[in-house]
Amino acid sequence: MTMLLLLLLLMMMMVMMLMIMMTLLLMMLMIMMTLLLLLLLLLMMMMVIMMLVCCSSVYSGHHSLLIPPSEVEQNPALWLTTVSQYRGL
């Protein structure tokens, strides 16, 4: 009889430990999801800022010239020529 009670107690402890582990895993998952959502929000804010910077000159009536980074990497003098041609405007 005593052995049966000990086995029952051991099983209950194992179930409780399993429940605690599952709770901790769920908490970690929630934290990771929250961090992921914050990262996505930051990326969206950066995209909005980039769009505002790129489009602000167009909306204010100024000219805008966009050069792809790959072009600047292939021909660094292109950037200097463009800046001197348009006087940095």
N, C-alpha and C. Protein backbone atom coordinates (compact mmCIF):
# COMPACT_ATOMS: atom_id res chain seq x y z
N MET A 1 0.82 -1.20 0.00
CA MET A 1 0.00 0.00 0.00
C MET A 1 0.86 1.26 0.00
N THR A 2 1.92 1.23 0.78
CA THR A 2 2.81 2.39 0.87
C THR A 2 3.51 2.62 -0.48
N MET A 3 3.86 1.55 -1.12
CA MET A 3 4.54 1.66 -2.41
C MET A 3 3.61 2.29 -3.45
N LEU A 4 2.36 1.93 -3.40
CA LEU A 4 1.38 2.49 -4.33
C LEU A 4 1.21 3.98 -4.11
N LEU A 5 1.17 4.38 -2.86
CA LEU A 5 1.06 5.81 -2.54
C LEU A 5 2.30 6.58 -3.01
N LEU A 6 3.46 5.99 -2.83
CA LEU A 6 4.69 6.64 -3.29
C LEU A 6 4.69 6.79 -4.81
N LEU A 7 4.25 5.78 -5.52
CA LEU A 7 4.17 5.85 -6.98
C LEU A 7 3.17 6.92 -7.43
N LEU A 8 2.06 7.00 -6.74
CA LEU A 8 1.06 8.01 -7.05
C LEU A 8 1.60 9.41 -6.80
N LEU A 9 2.29 9.58 -5.70
CA LEU A 9 2.90 10.87 -5.38
C LEU A 9 3.96 11.25 -6.43
N LEU A 10 4.75 10.29 -6.82
CA LEU A 10 5.77 10.53 -7.84
C LEU A 10 5.13 10.92 -9.18
N MET A 11 4.07 10.25 -9.55
CA MET A 11 3.38 10.60 -10.79
C MET A 11 2.79 12.00 -10.73
N MET A 12 2.23 12.36 -9.59
CA MET A 12 1.67 13.71 -9.43
C MET A 12 2.76 14.77 -9.53
N MET A 13 3.91 14.49 -8.95
CA MET A 13 5.02 15.44 -9.03
C MET A 13 5.50 15.59 -10.47
N MET A 14 5.55 14.48 -11.19
CA MET A 14 5.97 14.54 -12.59
C MET A 14 4.98 15.35 -13.43
N VAL A 15 3.70 15.17 -13.17
CA VAL A 15 2.68 15.92 -13.90
C VAL A 15 2.81 17.41 -13.59
N MET A 16 3.04 17.73 -12.34
CA MET A 16 3.21 19.13 -11.96
C MET A 16 4.44 19.74 -12.61
N MET A 17 5.54 19.00 -12.66
CA MET A 17 6.75 19.49 -13.31
C MET A 17 6.51 19.69 -14.80
N LEU A 18 5.79 18.78 -15.41
CA LEU A 18 5.47 18.91 -16.82
C LEU A 18 4.61 20.15 -17.08
N MET A 19 3.66 20.42 -16.21
CA MET A 19 2.82 21.60 -16.34
C MET A 19 3.65 22.87 -16.19
N ILE A 20 4.58 22.87 -15.25
CA ILE A 20 5.44 24.04 -15.06
C ILE A 20 6.31 24.27 -16.29
N MET A 21 6.86 23.19 -16.85
CA MET A 21 7.69 23.31 -18.05
C MET A 21 6.88 23.84 -19.22
N MET A 22 5.66 23.37 -19.38
CA MET A 22 4.81 23.85 -20.46
C MET A 22 4.48 25.32 -20.29
N THR A 23 4.22 25.73 -19.05
CA THR A 23 3.94 27.14 -18.78
C THR A 23 5.14 28.01 -19.13
N LEU A 24 6.34 27.56 -18.76
CA LEU A 24 7.54 28.32 -19.08
C LEU A 24 7.76 28.40 -20.59
N LEU A 25 7.52 27.32 -21.29
CA LEU A 25 7.66 27.34 -22.74
C LEU A 25 6.67 28.30 -23.39
N LEU A 26 5.45 28.31 -22.89
CA LEU A 26 4.45 29.23 -23.43
C LEU A 26 4.85 30.68 -23.15
N MET A 27 5.39 30.95 -21.98
CA MET A 27 5.83 32.30 -21.66
C MET A 27 6.98 32.72 -22.58
N MET A 28 7.90 31.82 -22.84
CA MET A 28 9.01 32.13 -23.74
C MET A 28 8.49 32.40 -25.15
N LEU A 29 7.53 31.62 -25.59
CA LEU A 29 6.94 31.81 -26.90
C LEU A 29 6.25 33.17 -27.00
N MET A 30 5.54 33.56 -25.97
CA MET A 30 4.88 34.86 -25.96
C MET A 30 5.89 35.99 -26.00
N ILE A 31 6.99 35.85 -25.29
CA ILE A 31 8.03 36.88 -25.30
C ILE A 31 8.65 36.98 -26.69
N MET A 32 8.92 35.84 -27.31
CA MET A 32 9.51 35.85 -28.65
C MET A 32 8.55 36.47 -29.66
N MET A 33 7.27 36.18 -29.56
CA MET A 33 6.30 36.76 -30.48
C MET A 33 6.21 38.27 -30.27
N THR A 34 6.27 38.71 -29.03
CA THR A 34 6.23 40.14 -28.74
C THR A 34 7.45 40.84 -29.34
N LEU A 35 8.62 40.23 -29.20
CA LEU A 35 9.82 40.82 -29.78
C LEU A 35 9.74 40.86 -31.30
N LEU A 36 9.19 39.83 -31.90
CA LEU A 36 9.02 39.80 -33.34
C LEU A 36 8.07 40.90 -33.81
N LEU A 37 6.98 41.09 -33.09
CA LEU A 37 6.04 42.16 -33.44
C LEU A 37 6.68 43.53 -33.30
N LEU A 38 7.49 43.72 -32.27
CA LEU A 38 8.20 45.00 -32.11
C LEU A 38 9.18 45.23 -33.25
N LEU A 39 9.86 44.18 -33.67
CA LEU A 39 10.78 44.29 -34.79
C LEU A 39 10.04 44.66 -36.08
N LEU A 40 8.90 44.02 -36.32
CA LEU A 40 8.11 44.35 -37.50
C LEU A 40 7.61 45.79 -37.46
N LEU A 41 7.21 46.25 -36.28
CA LEU A 41 6.77 47.63 -36.13
C LEU A 41 7.91 48.60 -36.43
N LEU A 42 9.10 48.29 -35.94
CA LEU A 42 10.27 49.12 -36.21
C LEU A 42 10.58 49.16 -37.71
N LEU A 43 10.51 48.01 -38.38
CA LEU A 43 10.75 47.97 -39.82
C LEU A 43 9.72 48.79 -40.58
N MET A 44 8.46 48.71 -40.17
CA MET A 44 7.42 49.50 -40.82
C MET A 44 7.67 50.99 -40.62
N MET A 45 8.08 51.38 -39.42
CA MET A 45 8.37 52.79 -39.17
C MET A 45 9.54 53.26 -40.02
N MET A 46 10.56 52.42 -40.17
CA MET A 46 11.70 52.78 -41.01
C MET A 46 11.27 52.94 -42.47
N MET A 47 10.39 52.07 -42.94
CA MET A 47 9.91 52.18 -44.31
C MET A 47 9.13 53.47 -44.52
N VAL A 48 8.30 53.84 -43.56
CA VAL A 48 7.54 55.08 -43.66
C VAL A 48 8.47 56.28 -43.68
N ILE A 49 9.49 56.27 -42.84
CA ILE A 49 10.45 57.37 -42.80
C ILE A 49 11.19 57.46 -44.14
N MET A 50 11.59 56.32 -44.68
CA MET A 50 12.28 56.33 -45.97
C MET A 50 11.38 56.87 -47.07
N MET A 51 10.11 56.48 -47.05
CA MET A 51 9.18 56.99 -48.06
C MET A 51 9.00 58.49 -47.92
N LEU A 52 8.90 58.97 -46.68
CA LEU A 52 8.74 60.41 -46.47
C LEU A 52 9.96 61.18 -46.95
N VAL A 53 11.14 60.64 -46.69
CA VAL A 53 12.37 61.30 -47.12
C VAL A 53 12.45 61.33 -48.64
N CYS A 54 12.13 60.23 -49.28
CA CYS A 54 12.22 60.16 -50.75
C CYS A 54 11.16 61.02 -51.42
N CYS A 55 9.97 61.08 -50.86
CA CYS A 55 8.87 61.79 -51.51
C CYS A 55 8.74 63.23 -51.07
N SER A 56 9.44 63.65 -50.03
CA SER A 56 9.26 65.02 -49.53
C SER A 56 9.70 66.05 -50.55
N SER A 57 10.78 65.77 -51.30
CA SER A 57 11.23 66.74 -52.29
C SER A 57 10.23 66.85 -53.44
N VAL A 58 9.59 65.75 -53.80
CA VAL A 58 8.61 65.78 -54.89
C VAL A 58 7.40 66.60 -54.47
N TYR A 59 6.92 66.40 -53.26
CA TYR A 59 5.74 67.12 -52.79
C TYR A 59 6.01 68.59 -52.56
N SER A 60 7.24 68.96 -52.26
CA SER A 60 7.54 70.37 -52.02
C SER A 60 7.92 71.10 -53.31
N GLY A 61 7.91 70.41 -54.45
CA GLY A 61 8.17 71.06 -55.72
C GLY A 61 9.62 71.02 -56.16
N HIS A 62 10.46 70.30 -55.47
CA HIS A 62 11.87 70.19 -55.84
C HIS A 62 12.09 68.93 -56.68
N HIS A 63 13.24 68.88 -57.32
CA HIS A 63 13.59 67.70 -58.11
C HIS A 63 14.29 66.69 -57.22
N SER A 64 14.13 65.46 -57.57
CA SER A 64 14.75 64.39 -56.81
C SER A 64 15.41 63.42 -57.78
N LEU A 65 16.61 62.98 -57.42
CA LEU A 65 17.33 62.03 -58.26
C LEU A 65 17.75 60.86 -57.38
N LEU A 66 17.28 59.68 -57.71
CA LEU A 66 17.60 58.49 -56.94
C LEU A 66 18.57 57.62 -57.74
N ILE A 67 19.66 57.24 -57.10
CA ILE A 67 20.66 56.38 -57.74
C ILE A 67 20.68 55.06 -56.97
N PRO A 68 20.49 53.95 -57.67
CA PRO A 68 20.53 52.65 -56.98
C PRO A 68 21.92 52.39 -56.39
N PRO A 69 21.98 51.78 -55.22
CA PRO A 69 23.28 51.48 -54.60
C PRO A 69 24.17 50.62 -55.47
N SER A 70 23.58 49.73 -56.27
CA SER A 70 24.40 48.87 -57.13
C SER A 70 25.14 49.70 -58.18
N GLU A 71 24.50 50.77 -58.66
CA GLU A 71 25.16 51.65 -59.63
C GLU A 71 26.34 52.38 -58.99
N VAL A 72 26.15 52.82 -57.76
CA VAL A 72 27.23 53.53 -57.05
C VAL A 72 28.38 52.57 -56.76
N GLU A 73 28.07 51.32 -56.44
CA GLU A 73 29.13 50.34 -56.20
C GLU A 73 29.93 50.06 -57.47
N GLN A 74 29.24 49.96 -58.59
CA GLN A 74 29.93 49.67 -59.84
C GLN A 74 30.70 50.87 -60.36
N ASN A 75 30.17 52.07 -60.14
CA ASN A 75 30.80 53.28 -60.66
C ASN A 75 30.76 54.37 -59.59
N PRO A 76 31.72 54.39 -58.65
CA PRO A 76 31.71 55.39 -57.58
C PRO A 76 31.80 56.83 -58.08
N ALA A 77 32.41 57.04 -59.23
CA ALA A 77 32.52 58.39 -59.77
C ALA A 77 31.16 58.93 -60.19
N LEU A 78 30.19 58.07 -60.43
CA LEU A 78 28.85 58.51 -60.81
C LEU A 78 28.24 59.39 -59.74
N TRP A 79 28.43 59.01 -58.48
CA TRP A 79 27.87 59.79 -57.38
C TRP A 79 28.52 61.17 -57.34
N LEU A 80 29.85 61.23 -57.45
CA LEU A 80 30.53 62.52 -57.42
C LEU A 80 30.14 63.39 -58.62
N THR A 81 30.02 62.79 -59.78
CA THR A 81 29.60 63.54 -60.97
C THR A 81 28.20 64.09 -60.79
N THR A 82 27.30 63.28 -60.26
CA THR A 82 25.92 63.70 -60.08
C THR A 82 25.82 64.82 -59.06
N VAL A 83 26.55 64.70 -57.96
CA VAL A 83 26.50 65.75 -56.93
C VAL A 83 27.07 67.05 -57.48
N SER A 84 28.18 66.98 -58.21
CA SER A 84 28.75 68.22 -58.75
C SER A 84 27.87 68.80 -59.87
N GLN A 85 27.21 67.94 -60.64
CA GLN A 85 26.35 68.43 -61.72
C GLN A 85 25.13 69.15 -61.16
N TYR A 86 24.52 68.59 -60.13
CA TYR A 86 23.32 69.19 -59.54
C TYR A 86 23.64 70.05 -58.33
N ARG A 87 24.90 70.25 -58.04
CA ARG A 87 25.39 71.09 -56.93
C ARG A 87 24.83 70.64 -55.58
N GLY A 88 24.71 69.36 -55.41
CA GLY A 88 24.29 68.80 -54.12
C GLY A 88 22.86 69.07 -53.76
N LEU A 89 22.06 69.49 -54.73
CA LEU A 89 20.66 69.78 -54.43
C LEU A 89 19.81 68.56 -54.59
